[in-house]
Amino acid sequence: MIQLFYSDKSTVEKSQSFWNASVKVSTCLNETARLSVFRGCLKGKTGENRWMYSPINEFETLRRGVHNQFICHTPLQMIERLKNAKREKGISIEVWADLVLSLCDAAQCTDPQMRYLYFLAGLQSKEWKAALSTSMVSTIPQAVTLLLYKSMLFPNEDDAEFADEAKVKPVPENAMVQQMMTMMQQTQNPLVQQPKQLARSPWSPRRVEHTAAVHDAYFLTFRW
């Protein structure tokens, strides 16, 4: 089963997993159909802009583009993604912390206080920020442990804090692509599974196989 690919929020691990899944289930299709399947799963401003402004007429061009933009990054590119990282609505403090720490690892940002500043910058929750500002925490693990202690795994969401996300209108999906995706999903075993939530006390960051990177709105300069 191919899950939707949210290009603005994707990590390296998720990008690699999505690409492997899309290649496997579309192998029997011609190039036009393979591109259509990928396009039907593509969501997010980053991917939409790249698809719109770069000529993608064959699957090999698509492969190089996905690899360069979402899977293989330099530390400087990862820093740009880190600067633009924003927690989206509905994301828990644990998931947000894991994403930021993974991106910091990829960007070779090892200073605990710098990591914490990036973590705060993209938090998008006045409630969480207020709780942290009155405490003595200075690292991401300390912040997560404090919020969990206060039973604040999720904040009271304020729509005003996500105003920029609300302005982005979803792109209508092509009916033919949806039909092809449905048929393939019925004949394929799920290739991507949601990781189970792990109960941890005190909190410690999850370790992943691949270096992960969070979403970015930064428009990379290389071409597909």
N, C-alpha and C. Protein backbone atom coordinates (compact mmCIF):
# COMPACT_ATOMS: atom_id res chain seq x y z
N MET A 1 0.85 -1.19 0.00
CA MET A 1 0.00 0.00 0.00
C MET A 1 0.88 1.24 0.00
N ILE A 2 0.59 2.20 -0.89
CA ILE A 2 1.35 3.44 -0.93
C ILE A 2 0.63 4.49 -0.10
N GLN A 3 1.32 5.05 0.86
CA GLN A 3 0.75 6.13 1.63
C GLN A 3 1.03 7.45 0.93
N LEU A 4 0.25 8.47 1.24
CA LEU A 4 0.48 9.79 0.67
C LEU A 4 1.84 10.30 1.13
N PHE A 5 2.51 11.04 0.24
CA PHE A 5 3.84 11.57 0.53
C PHE A 5 3.74 13.06 0.81
N TYR A 6 3.85 13.43 2.08
CA TYR A 6 3.77 14.84 2.47
C TYR A 6 5.17 15.44 2.41
N SER A 7 5.48 16.08 1.29
CA SER A 7 6.85 16.52 1.03
C SER A 7 7.34 17.59 2.01
N ASP A 8 6.44 18.40 2.54
CA ASP A 8 6.86 19.45 3.47
C ASP A 8 7.22 18.88 4.84
N LYS A 9 6.70 17.72 5.17
CA LYS A 9 6.87 17.16 6.50
C LYS A 9 7.75 15.91 6.52
N SER A 10 8.26 15.53 5.38
CA SER A 10 8.90 14.22 5.28
C SER A 10 10.29 14.17 5.89
N THR A 11 10.61 13.02 6.46
CA THR A 11 11.96 12.74 6.92
C THR A 11 12.67 11.91 5.85
N VAL A 12 13.98 11.80 5.97
CA VAL A 12 14.74 10.98 5.02
C VAL A 12 14.25 9.54 5.06
N GLU A 13 13.99 9.04 6.26
CA GLU A 13 13.52 7.65 6.42
C GLU A 13 12.18 7.45 5.72
N LYS A 14 11.24 8.38 5.94
CA LYS A 14 9.92 8.27 5.32
C LYS A 14 10.01 8.42 3.81
N SER A 15 10.88 9.32 3.34
CA SER A 15 11.05 9.51 1.90
C SER A 15 11.56 8.24 1.24
N GLN A 16 12.56 7.61 1.86
CA GLN A 16 13.12 6.38 1.32
C GLN A 16 12.08 5.27 1.32
N SER A 17 11.31 5.17 2.39
CA SER A 17 10.28 4.14 2.50
C SER A 17 9.20 4.35 1.44
N PHE A 18 8.77 5.60 1.27
CA PHE A 18 7.74 5.89 0.26
C PHE A 18 8.25 5.57 -1.14
N TRP A 19 9.48 5.98 -1.43
CA TRP A 19 10.03 5.73 -2.76
C TRP A 19 10.13 4.24 -3.06
N ASN A 20 10.62 3.47 -2.11
CA ASN A 20 10.73 2.02 -2.30
C ASN A 20 9.36 1.40 -2.55
N ALA A 21 8.35 1.87 -1.81
CA ALA A 21 7.00 1.33 -1.99
C ALA A 21 6.43 1.68 -3.35
N SER A 22 6.62 2.94 -3.78
CA SER A 22 6.07 3.37 -5.07
C SER A 22 6.74 2.65 -6.23
N VAL A 23 8.03 2.39 -6.11
CA VAL A 23 8.74 1.65 -7.16
C VAL A 23 8.23 0.22 -7.25
N LYS A 24 8.05 -0.42 -6.11
CA LYS A 24 7.65 -1.82 -6.09
C LYS A 24 6.26 -2.04 -6.67
N VAL A 25 5.30 -1.21 -6.27
CA VAL A 25 3.92 -1.46 -6.70
C VAL A 25 3.63 -0.96 -8.11
N SER A 26 4.53 -0.13 -8.67
CA SER A 26 4.26 0.40 -10.01
C SER A 26 5.16 -0.21 -11.08
N THR A 27 5.92 -1.23 -10.73
CA THR A 27 6.87 -1.85 -11.67
C THR A 27 6.18 -2.36 -12.93
N CYS A 28 4.98 -2.87 -12.80
CA CYS A 28 4.28 -3.46 -13.94
C CYS A 28 3.64 -2.41 -14.85
N LEU A 29 3.69 -1.14 -14.48
CA LEU A 29 3.05 -0.08 -15.26
C LEU A 29 4.03 0.57 -16.22
N ASN A 30 3.50 1.24 -17.25
CA ASN A 30 4.37 1.99 -18.14
C ASN A 30 4.80 3.29 -17.45
N GLU A 31 5.74 4.02 -18.06
CA GLU A 31 6.31 5.19 -17.39
C GLU A 31 5.27 6.26 -17.10
N THR A 32 4.36 6.50 -18.04
CA THR A 32 3.33 7.52 -17.84
C THR A 32 2.46 7.19 -16.64
N ALA A 33 2.07 5.92 -16.54
CA ALA A 33 1.24 5.51 -15.41
C ALA A 33 2.00 5.58 -14.10
N ARG A 34 3.30 5.22 -14.13
CA ARG A 34 4.11 5.29 -12.90
C ARG A 34 4.22 6.73 -12.41
N LEU A 35 4.43 7.64 -13.33
CA LEU A 35 4.51 9.05 -12.95
C LEU A 35 3.18 9.54 -12.39
N SER A 36 2.08 9.08 -12.99
CA SER A 36 0.75 9.48 -12.53
C SER A 36 0.48 8.98 -11.12
N VAL A 37 0.91 7.75 -10.84
CA VAL A 37 0.72 7.19 -9.50
C VAL A 37 1.50 8.02 -8.47
N PHE A 38 2.75 8.33 -8.80
CA PHE A 38 3.56 9.13 -7.88
C PHE A 38 2.94 10.51 -7.68
N ARG A 39 2.48 11.12 -8.77
CA ARG A 39 1.89 12.46 -8.69
C ARG A 39 0.63 12.44 -7.83
N GLY A 40 -0.13 11.36 -7.90
CA GLY A 40 -1.35 11.26 -7.11
C GLY A 40 -1.09 11.17 -5.63
N CYS A 41 0.10 10.70 -5.25
CA CYS A 41 0.46 10.56 -3.83
C CYS A 41 1.19 11.79 -3.29
N LEU A 42 1.59 12.69 -4.17
CA LEU A 42 2.43 13.82 -3.77
C LEU A 42 1.60 14.94 -3.16
N LYS A 43 1.96 15.33 -1.95
CA LYS A 43 1.29 16.42 -1.24
C LYS A 43 2.34 17.38 -0.70
N GLY A 44 1.95 18.61 -0.47
CA GLY A 44 2.86 19.57 0.15
C GLY A 44 3.41 20.57 -0.85
N LYS A 45 3.67 21.79 -0.37
CA LYS A 45 4.13 22.88 -1.22
C LYS A 45 5.47 22.59 -1.88
N THR A 46 6.39 21.99 -1.14
CA THR A 46 7.72 21.71 -1.68
C THR A 46 7.65 20.82 -2.91
N GLY A 47 6.95 19.71 -2.80
CA GLY A 47 6.82 18.79 -3.92
C GLY A 47 5.99 19.34 -5.05
N GLU A 48 4.91 20.06 -4.71
CA GLU A 48 4.04 20.64 -5.73
C GLU A 48 4.80 21.65 -6.58
N ASN A 49 5.60 22.51 -5.94
CA ASN A 49 6.37 23.51 -6.68
C ASN A 49 7.40 22.85 -7.59
N ARG A 50 8.08 21.84 -7.06
CA ARG A 50 9.09 21.18 -7.86
C ARG A 50 8.48 20.47 -9.06
N TRP A 51 7.32 19.84 -8.87
CA TRP A 51 6.65 19.15 -9.97
C TRP A 51 6.16 20.15 -11.01
N MET A 52 5.69 21.31 -10.56
CA MET A 52 5.12 22.30 -11.46
C MET A 52 6.19 22.98 -12.32
N TYR A 53 7.35 23.27 -11.73
CA TYR A 53 8.35 24.08 -12.42
C TYR A 53 9.52 23.28 -12.99
N SER A 54 9.55 21.99 -12.79
CA SER A 54 10.63 21.17 -13.35
C SER A 54 10.04 20.12 -14.29
N PRO A 55 10.61 19.97 -15.48
CA PRO A 55 10.10 18.96 -16.42
C PRO A 55 10.39 17.54 -15.94
N ILE A 56 9.35 16.76 -15.71
CA ILE A 56 9.52 15.37 -15.28
C ILE A 56 8.76 14.50 -16.27
N ASN A 57 9.48 14.00 -17.27
CA ASN A 57 8.84 13.24 -18.34
C ASN A 57 9.14 11.75 -18.30
N GLU A 58 10.08 11.35 -17.46
CA GLU A 58 10.42 9.94 -17.37
C GLU A 58 10.73 9.57 -15.92
N PHE A 59 10.63 8.29 -15.63
CA PHE A 59 10.76 7.82 -14.25
C PHE A 59 12.17 8.02 -13.71
N GLU A 60 13.18 7.94 -14.56
CA GLU A 60 14.56 8.13 -14.12
C GLU A 60 14.79 9.56 -13.65
N THR A 61 14.18 10.52 -14.34
CA THR A 61 14.27 11.92 -13.90
C THR A 61 13.63 12.09 -12.53
N LEU A 62 12.49 11.44 -12.35
CA LEU A 62 11.82 11.48 -11.06
C LEU A 62 12.68 10.86 -9.97
N ARG A 63 13.31 9.73 -10.28
CA ARG A 63 14.15 9.04 -9.29
C ARG A 63 15.29 9.94 -8.82
N ARG A 64 15.97 10.60 -9.76
CA ARG A 64 17.08 11.49 -9.39
C ARG A 64 16.58 12.66 -8.55
N GLY A 65 15.43 13.19 -8.92
CA GLY A 65 14.90 14.33 -8.18
C GLY A 65 14.55 13.98 -6.75
N VAL A 66 13.88 12.85 -6.57
CA VAL A 66 13.50 12.42 -5.22
C VAL A 66 14.74 12.15 -4.38
N HIS A 67 15.72 11.49 -4.99
CA HIS A 67 16.95 11.17 -4.26
C HIS A 67 17.68 12.45 -3.83
N ASN A 68 17.81 13.40 -4.75
CA ASN A 68 18.57 14.62 -4.45
C ASN A 68 17.86 15.53 -3.45
N GLN A 69 16.54 15.63 -3.57
CA GLN A 69 15.83 16.60 -2.75
C GLN A 69 15.37 16.05 -1.41
N PHE A 70 15.02 14.78 -1.34
CA PHE A 70 14.41 14.26 -0.12
C PHE A 70 15.23 13.18 0.60
N ILE A 71 16.17 12.56 -0.10
CA ILE A 71 16.90 11.44 0.51
C ILE A 71 18.36 11.78 0.80
N CYS A 72 19.03 12.47 -0.12
CA CYS A 72 20.44 12.79 0.05
C CYS A 72 20.60 14.29 0.26
N HIS A 73 21.07 14.69 1.45
CA HIS A 73 21.23 16.11 1.78
C HIS A 73 22.61 16.38 2.35
N THR A 74 23.11 17.59 2.09
CA THR A 74 24.33 18.04 2.75
C THR A 74 23.95 18.64 4.10
N PRO A 75 24.90 18.77 5.02
CA PRO A 75 24.60 19.40 6.32
C PRO A 75 24.01 20.80 6.18
N LEU A 76 24.48 21.58 5.20
CA LEU A 76 23.95 22.93 5.01
C LEU A 76 22.48 22.89 4.59
N GLN A 77 22.15 21.95 3.72
CA GLN A 77 20.75 21.80 3.32
C GLN A 77 19.90 21.38 4.50
N MET A 78 20.44 20.52 5.35
CA MET A 78 19.69 20.08 6.51
C MET A 78 19.49 21.22 7.51
N ILE A 79 20.47 22.12 7.61
CA ILE A 79 20.31 23.29 8.48
C ILE A 79 19.16 24.15 8.00
N GLU A 80 19.04 24.33 6.69
CA GLU A 80 17.93 25.12 6.15
C GLU A 80 16.59 24.47 6.47
N ARG A 81 16.53 23.16 6.38
CA ARG A 81 15.29 22.45 6.72
C ARG A 81 15.00 22.63 8.21
N LEU A 82 16.04 22.59 9.01
CA LEU A 82 15.89 22.74 10.45
C LEU A 82 15.36 24.12 10.80
N LYS A 83 15.86 25.15 10.14
CA LYS A 83 15.42 26.52 10.39
C LYS A 83 13.94 26.70 10.06
N ASN A 84 13.46 25.99 9.07
CA ASN A 84 12.08 26.15 8.62
C ASN A 84 11.13 25.11 9.20
N ALA A 85 11.63 24.26 10.05
CA ALA A 85 10.80 23.19 10.62
C ALA A 85 9.72 23.76 11.53
N LYS A 86 8.48 23.36 11.32
CA LYS A 86 7.35 23.79 12.14
C LYS A 86 6.50 22.58 12.51
N ARG A 87 6.13 22.52 13.77
CA ARG A 87 5.24 21.43 14.20
C ARG A 87 3.87 21.65 13.60
N GLU A 88 3.30 20.60 13.03
CA GLU A 88 1.96 20.73 12.47
C GLU A 88 0.92 20.34 13.50
N LYS A 89 -0.29 20.76 13.26
CA LYS A 89 -1.39 20.53 14.20
C LYS A 89 -1.60 19.03 14.43
N GLY A 90 -1.76 18.66 15.70
CA GLY A 90 -2.02 17.27 16.05
C GLY A 90 -0.79 16.45 16.38
N ILE A 91 0.40 17.05 16.24
CA ILE A 91 1.65 16.34 16.53
C ILE A 91 1.96 16.44 18.01
N SER A 92 2.26 15.32 18.64
CA SER A 92 2.56 15.30 20.08
C SER A 92 3.96 15.84 20.34
N ILE A 93 4.22 16.17 21.60
CA ILE A 93 5.53 16.71 21.96
C ILE A 93 6.63 15.67 21.74
N GLU A 94 6.33 14.40 21.94
CA GLU A 94 7.32 13.35 21.73
C GLU A 94 7.71 13.22 20.26
N VAL A 95 6.70 13.22 19.40
CA VAL A 95 6.97 13.09 17.96
C VAL A 95 7.75 14.30 17.46
N TRP A 96 7.36 15.50 17.91
CA TRP A 96 8.06 16.71 17.49
C TRP A 96 9.52 16.68 17.95
N ALA A 97 9.74 16.25 19.17
CA ALA A 97 11.11 16.16 19.68
C ALA A 97 11.95 15.18 18.87
N ASP A 98 11.38 14.03 18.53
CA ASP A 98 12.10 13.03 17.74
C ASP A 98 12.48 13.58 16.37
N LEU A 99 11.56 14.32 15.74
CA LEU A 99 11.83 14.88 14.43
C LEU A 99 12.95 15.91 14.48
N VAL A 100 12.91 16.80 15.47
CA VAL A 100 13.94 17.83 15.59
C VAL A 100 15.30 17.21 15.89
N LEU A 101 15.34 16.24 16.79
CA LEU A 101 16.61 15.59 17.12
C LEU A 101 17.19 14.86 15.91
N SER A 102 16.33 14.22 15.12
CA SER A 102 16.80 13.52 13.93
C SER A 102 17.38 14.50 12.92
N LEU A 103 16.72 15.64 12.75
CA LEU A 103 17.21 16.65 11.83
C LEU A 103 18.51 17.26 12.33
N CYS A 104 18.62 17.49 13.62
CA CYS A 104 19.86 18.01 14.20
C CYS A 104 21.02 17.04 13.96
N ASP A 105 20.76 15.76 14.11
CA ASP A 105 21.79 14.76 13.83
C ASP A 105 22.26 14.85 12.38
N ALA A 106 21.30 14.98 11.47
CA ALA A 106 21.63 15.05 10.04
C ALA A 106 22.39 16.33 9.71
N ALA A 107 22.06 17.41 10.42
CA ALA A 107 22.72 18.70 10.18
C ALA A 107 24.02 18.84 10.97
N GLN A 108 24.37 17.79 11.71
CA GLN A 108 25.58 17.79 12.53
C GLN A 108 25.56 18.90 13.57
N CYS A 109 24.37 19.18 14.08
CA CYS A 109 24.19 20.15 15.15
C CYS A 109 24.15 19.37 16.47
N THR A 110 25.23 19.43 17.21
CA THR A 110 25.35 18.60 18.41
C THR A 110 25.19 19.36 19.72
N ASP A 111 25.22 20.69 19.66
CA ASP A 111 25.10 21.48 20.89
C ASP A 111 23.69 21.38 21.47
N PRO A 112 23.53 20.91 22.70
CA PRO A 112 22.19 20.71 23.29
C PRO A 112 21.35 21.97 23.33
N GLN A 113 21.97 23.12 23.61
CA GLN A 113 21.21 24.36 23.71
C GLN A 113 20.74 24.84 22.34
N MET A 114 21.59 24.67 21.30
CA MET A 114 21.17 25.03 19.95
C MET A 114 20.02 24.13 19.50
N ARG A 115 20.10 22.86 19.82
CA ARG A 115 19.01 21.94 19.49
C ARG A 115 17.72 22.41 20.16
N TYR A 116 17.83 22.82 21.40
CA TYR A 116 16.65 23.26 22.14
C TYR A 116 16.05 24.52 21.51
N LEU A 117 16.89 25.43 21.03
CA LEU A 117 16.39 26.65 20.39
C LEU A 117 15.63 26.32 19.10
N TYR A 118 16.15 25.40 18.31
CA TYR A 118 15.43 24.97 17.10
C TYR A 118 14.11 24.30 17.47
N PHE A 119 14.14 23.52 18.52
CA PHE A 119 12.94 22.84 19.03
C PHE A 119 11.87 23.86 19.41
N LEU A 120 12.26 24.92 20.13
CA LEU A 120 11.31 25.96 20.55
C LEU A 120 10.79 26.77 19.37
N ALA A 121 11.68 27.07 18.41
CA ALA A 121 11.32 27.94 17.30
C ALA A 121 10.16 27.38 16.47
N GLY A 122 10.10 26.06 16.34
CA GLY A 122 9.05 25.47 15.52
C GLY A 122 7.91 24.87 16.30
N LEU A 123 7.83 25.16 17.59
CA LEU A 123 6.88 24.49 18.48
C LEU A 123 5.42 24.78 18.13
N GLN A 124 5.11 26.03 17.80
CA GLN A 124 3.75 26.45 17.44
C GLN A 124 2.70 26.07 18.49
N SER A 125 3.00 26.40 19.73
CA SER A 125 2.04 26.18 20.82
C SER A 125 2.34 27.16 21.94
N LYS A 126 1.46 28.13 22.13
CA LYS A 126 1.64 29.10 23.21
C LYS A 126 1.57 28.42 24.57
N GLU A 127 0.74 27.40 24.67
CA GLU A 127 0.58 26.69 25.94
C GLU A 127 1.88 25.99 26.33
N TRP A 128 2.48 25.28 25.40
CA TRP A 128 3.74 24.60 25.67
C TRP A 128 4.84 25.61 25.99
N LYS A 129 4.92 26.67 25.19
CA LYS A 129 5.97 27.66 25.40
C LYS A 129 5.84 28.33 26.76
N ALA A 130 4.60 28.59 27.18
CA ALA A 130 4.39 29.21 28.49
C ALA A 130 4.86 28.30 29.61
N ALA A 131 4.55 27.01 29.48
CA ALA A 131 4.97 26.05 30.51
C ALA A 131 6.48 25.93 30.57
N LEU A 132 7.14 25.97 29.42
CA LEU A 132 8.59 25.82 29.39
C LEU A 132 9.31 27.09 29.84
N SER A 133 8.71 28.26 29.55
CA SER A 133 9.36 29.53 29.89
C SER A 133 9.45 29.76 31.39
N THR A 134 8.58 29.13 32.15
CA THR A 134 8.59 29.29 33.61
C THR A 134 9.38 28.20 34.31
N SER A 135 10.08 27.39 33.54
CA SER A 135 10.86 26.29 34.11
C SER A 135 12.35 26.55 33.89
N MET A 136 13.16 25.63 34.36
CA MET A 136 14.61 25.76 34.23
C MET A 136 15.18 24.82 33.17
N VAL A 137 14.32 24.25 32.32
CA VAL A 137 14.80 23.29 31.33
C VAL A 137 15.61 24.00 30.26
N SER A 138 16.59 23.30 29.70
CA SER A 138 17.44 23.89 28.67
C SER A 138 17.80 22.90 27.56
N THR A 139 17.21 21.70 27.62
CA THR A 139 17.46 20.71 26.58
C THR A 139 16.13 20.09 26.16
N ILE A 140 16.13 19.44 25.01
CA ILE A 140 14.90 18.82 24.50
C ILE A 140 14.41 17.70 25.40
N PRO A 141 15.26 16.76 25.83
CA PRO A 141 14.76 15.71 26.72
C PRO A 141 14.15 16.26 28.01
N GLN A 142 14.76 17.30 28.58
CA GLN A 142 14.21 17.91 29.79
C GLN A 142 12.84 18.52 29.52
N ALA A 143 12.69 19.19 28.37
CA ALA A 143 11.42 19.82 28.02
C ALA A 143 10.32 18.78 27.86
N VAL A 144 10.62 17.70 27.17
CA VAL A 144 9.61 16.66 26.95
C VAL A 144 9.22 16.01 28.27
N THR A 145 10.21 15.72 29.10
CA THR A 145 9.92 15.10 30.40
C THR A 145 9.03 16.00 31.24
N LEU A 146 9.29 17.31 31.23
CA LEU A 146 8.48 18.25 32.00
C LEU A 146 7.04 18.28 31.50
N LEU A 147 6.86 18.37 30.18
CA LEU A 147 5.51 18.45 29.63
C LEU A 147 4.74 17.15 29.86
N LEU A 148 5.41 16.02 29.77
CA LEU A 148 4.74 14.76 30.08
C LEU A 148 4.35 14.69 31.56
N TYR A 149 5.21 15.22 32.42
CA TYR A 149 4.91 15.25 33.85
C TYR A 149 3.67 16.11 34.12
N LYS A 150 3.50 17.16 33.32
CA LYS A 150 2.34 18.04 33.46
C LYS A 150 1.13 17.54 32.67
N SER A 151 1.22 16.33 32.14
CA SER A 151 0.13 15.74 31.34
C SER A 151 -0.20 16.61 30.13
N MET A 152 0.84 17.08 29.46
CA MET A 152 0.67 17.96 28.29
C MET A 152 1.28 17.31 27.05
N LEU A 153 0.97 16.03 26.83
CA LEU A 153 1.46 15.34 25.64
C LEU A 153 1.00 16.07 24.39
N PHE A 154 -0.25 16.53 24.41
CA PHE A 154 -0.81 17.35 23.33
C PHE A 154 -1.26 18.68 23.93
N PRO A 155 -1.07 19.80 23.23
CA PRO A 155 -1.53 21.08 23.75
C PRO A 155 -2.97 21.35 23.34
N ASN A 156 -3.57 22.39 23.91
CA ASN A 156 -4.85 22.88 23.42
C ASN A 156 -4.55 23.68 22.15
N GLU A 157 -4.93 23.14 21.01
CA GLU A 157 -4.55 23.73 19.72
C GLU A 157 -5.29 25.03 19.47
N ASP A 158 -4.55 26.02 18.98
CA ASP A 158 -5.11 27.31 18.60
C ASP A 158 -4.97 27.43 17.09
N ASP A 159 -6.10 27.53 16.38
CA ASP A 159 -6.05 27.58 14.92
C ASP A 159 -5.22 28.75 14.41
N ALA A 160 -5.17 29.84 15.19
CA ALA A 160 -4.41 31.02 14.76
C ALA A 160 -2.92 30.72 14.64
N GLU A 161 -2.44 29.74 15.39
CA GLU A 161 -1.03 29.38 15.35
C GLU A 161 -0.67 28.59 14.10
N PHE A 162 -1.68 28.12 13.40
CA PHE A 162 -1.47 27.33 12.19
C PHE A 162 -2.11 28.02 10.99
N ALA A 163 -2.16 29.36 11.03
CA ALA A 163 -2.85 30.12 9.99
C ALA A 163 -2.23 29.89 8.62
N ASP A 164 -0.89 29.81 8.56
CA ASP A 164 -0.22 29.62 7.28
C ASP A 164 -0.57 28.29 6.65
N GLU A 165 -0.72 27.24 7.48
CA GLU A 165 -1.08 25.93 6.95
C GLU A 165 -2.49 25.92 6.41
N ALA A 166 -3.39 26.68 7.06
CA ALA A 166 -4.79 26.69 6.64
C ALA A 166 -4.96 27.35 5.28
N LYS A 167 -4.01 28.23 4.89
CA LYS A 167 -4.11 28.93 3.61
C LYS A 167 -3.78 28.03 2.43
N VAL A 168 -3.09 26.95 2.69
CA VAL A 168 -2.70 26.03 1.61
C VAL A 168 -3.86 25.11 1.28
N LYS A 169 -4.39 25.24 0.08
CA LYS A 169 -5.54 24.44 -0.35
C LYS A 169 -5.06 23.11 -0.91
N PRO A 170 -5.71 22.01 -0.56
CA PRO A 170 -5.31 20.71 -1.09
C PRO A 170 -5.56 20.62 -2.58
N VAL A 171 -4.68 19.95 -3.28
CA VAL A 171 -4.82 19.79 -4.73
C VAL A 171 -5.75 18.62 -5.02
N PRO A 172 -6.78 18.82 -5.86
CA PRO A 172 -7.70 17.72 -6.17
C PRO A 172 -6.95 16.55 -6.78
N GLU A 173 -7.34 15.35 -6.43
CA GLU A 173 -6.67 14.16 -6.93
C GLU A 173 -7.36 13.66 -8.19
N ASN A 174 -6.54 13.21 -9.12
CA ASN A 174 -7.06 12.69 -10.38
C ASN A 174 -7.80 11.38 -10.14
N ALA A 175 -9.00 11.27 -10.69
CA ALA A 175 -9.84 10.09 -10.44
C ALA A 175 -9.19 8.82 -10.98
N MET A 176 -8.54 8.92 -12.13
CA MET A 176 -7.90 7.74 -12.71
C MET A 176 -6.75 7.26 -11.82
N VAL A 177 -5.96 8.22 -11.31
CA VAL A 177 -4.86 7.86 -10.43
C VAL A 177 -5.38 7.19 -9.18
N GLN A 178 -6.44 7.74 -8.62
CA GLN A 178 -7.03 7.16 -7.41
C GLN A 178 -7.49 5.73 -7.66
N GLN A 179 -8.07 5.50 -8.84
CA GLN A 179 -8.55 4.16 -9.16
C GLN A 179 -7.38 3.18 -9.27
N MET A 180 -6.29 3.61 -9.91
CA MET A 180 -5.12 2.75 -10.03
C MET A 180 -4.52 2.45 -8.67
N MET A 181 -4.45 3.48 -7.83
CA MET A 181 -3.90 3.29 -6.50
C MET A 181 -4.73 2.31 -5.68
N THR A 182 -6.06 2.42 -5.82
CA THR A 182 -6.95 1.52 -5.09
C THR A 182 -6.76 0.08 -5.53
N MET A 183 -6.64 -0.12 -6.85
CA MET A 183 -6.45 -1.47 -7.37
C MET A 183 -5.13 -2.07 -6.89
N MET A 184 -4.07 -1.25 -6.88
CA MET A 184 -2.78 -1.76 -6.44
C MET A 184 -2.77 -2.06 -4.95
N GLN A 185 -3.46 -1.22 -4.18
CA GLN A 185 -3.51 -1.42 -2.74
C GLN A 185 -4.24 -2.71 -2.38
N GLN A 186 -5.20 -3.10 -3.23
CA GLN A 186 -5.95 -4.32 -2.97
C GLN A 186 -5.12 -5.57 -3.24
N THR A 187 -4.06 -5.42 -4.04
CA THR A 187 -3.25 -6.60 -4.40
C THR A 187 -1.88 -6.62 -3.74
N GLN A 188 -1.58 -5.56 -2.98
CA GLN A 188 -0.27 -5.49 -2.33
C GLN A 188 -0.42 -5.51 -0.82
N ASN A 189 0.54 -6.13 -0.15
CA ASN A 189 0.57 -6.08 1.31
C ASN A 189 1.08 -4.71 1.73
N PRO A 190 0.64 -4.23 2.86
CA PRO A 190 1.13 -2.93 3.34
C PRO A 190 2.65 -2.95 3.46
N LEU A 191 3.29 -1.91 2.87
CA LEU A 191 4.75 -1.82 2.91
C LEU A 191 5.25 -0.84 3.96
N VAL A 192 4.33 0.03 4.36
CA VAL A 192 4.72 1.03 5.34
C VAL A 192 3.76 0.96 6.50
N GLN A 193 4.24 0.78 7.67
CA GLN A 193 3.40 0.69 8.85
C GLN A 193 3.75 1.81 9.81
N GLN A 194 2.74 2.29 10.51
CA GLN A 194 2.97 3.32 11.51
C GLN A 194 3.69 2.70 12.69
N PRO A 195 4.78 3.34 13.13
CA PRO A 195 5.47 2.81 14.32
C PRO A 195 4.60 2.93 15.54
N LYS A 196 4.70 1.91 16.41
CA LYS A 196 3.90 1.92 17.63
C LYS A 196 4.47 2.92 18.61
N GLN A 197 3.57 3.57 19.33
CA GLN A 197 4.01 4.49 20.37
C GLN A 197 4.66 3.70 21.50
N LEU A 198 5.80 4.17 21.92
CA LEU A 198 6.51 3.50 23.00
C LEU A 198 6.36 4.30 24.27
N ALA A 199 5.99 3.61 25.35
CA ALA A 199 5.87 4.29 26.63
C ALA A 199 7.25 4.40 27.25
N ARG A 200 7.68 5.63 27.50
CA ARG A 200 8.99 5.85 28.05
C ARG A 200 8.92 6.83 29.21
N SER A 201 9.52 6.51 30.31
CA SER A 201 9.58 7.42 31.44
C SER A 201 10.88 7.17 32.20
N PRO A 202 11.76 8.19 32.28
CA PRO A 202 11.66 9.48 31.61
C PRO A 202 11.84 9.36 30.11
N TRP A 203 11.50 10.42 29.38
CA TRP A 203 11.52 10.37 27.92
C TRP A 203 12.95 10.28 27.41
N SER A 204 13.12 9.48 26.35
CA SER A 204 14.40 9.43 25.65
C SER A 204 14.10 9.37 24.17
N PRO A 205 14.92 10.02 23.31
CA PRO A 205 14.63 10.07 21.88
C PRO A 205 14.68 8.70 21.24
N ARG A 206 13.82 8.49 20.23
CA ARG A 206 13.82 7.24 19.48
C ARG A 206 15.03 7.20 18.58
N ARG A 207 15.55 6.02 18.34
CA ARG A 207 16.66 5.85 17.40
C ARG A 207 16.10 5.25 16.12
N VAL A 208 16.51 5.74 14.98
CA VAL A 208 16.01 5.25 13.70
C VAL A 208 17.17 4.76 12.85
N GLU A 209 16.84 3.96 11.83
CA GLU A 209 17.86 3.36 10.99
C GLU A 209 18.55 4.39 10.11
N HIS A 210 17.74 5.26 9.51
CA HIS A 210 18.29 6.25 8.61
C HIS A 210 18.27 7.61 9.29
N THR A 211 19.19 8.46 8.90
CA THR A 211 19.16 9.83 9.39
C THR A 211 17.88 10.48 8.89
N ALA A 212 17.12 11.14 9.78
CA ALA A 212 15.82 11.68 9.42
C ALA A 212 15.87 13.19 9.36
N ALA A 213 14.99 13.73 8.49
CA ALA A 213 14.90 15.18 8.39
C ALA A 213 13.46 15.60 8.37
N VAL A 214 13.14 16.68 9.05
CA VAL A 214 11.77 17.14 9.09
C VAL A 214 11.47 17.99 7.88
N HIS A 215 10.20 18.46 7.80
CA HIS A 215 9.73 19.18 6.64
C HIS A 215 10.46 20.48 6.42
N ASP A 216 10.47 20.98 5.17
CA ASP A 216 11.02 22.29 4.93
C ASP A 216 10.24 22.99 3.85
N ALA A 217 10.14 24.31 3.98
CA ALA A 217 9.49 25.11 2.97
C ALA A 217 10.54 25.80 2.12
N TYR A 218 11.80 25.51 2.39
CA TYR A 218 12.89 26.13 1.67
C TYR A 218 12.99 25.55 0.27
N PHE A 219 13.08 26.41 -0.76
CA PHE A 219 13.09 25.97 -2.15
C PHE A 219 14.53 25.73 -2.58
N LEU A 220 14.94 24.47 -2.69
CA LEU A 220 16.32 24.14 -3.03
C LEU A 220 16.62 24.58 -4.47
N THR A 221 17.86 24.93 -4.71
CA THR A 221 18.20 25.56 -5.98
C THR A 221 18.53 24.59 -7.10
N PHE A 222 18.85 23.35 -6.81
CA PHE A 222 19.17 22.42 -7.89
C PHE A 222 17.91 21.99 -8.63
N ARG A 223 18.06 21.50 -9.84
CA ARG A 223 16.92 21.11 -10.68
C ARG A 223 16.83 19.60 -10.77
N TRP A 224 15.59 19.10 -10.95
CA TRP A 224 15.37 17.67 -11.19
C TRP A 224 15.82 17.37 -12.60
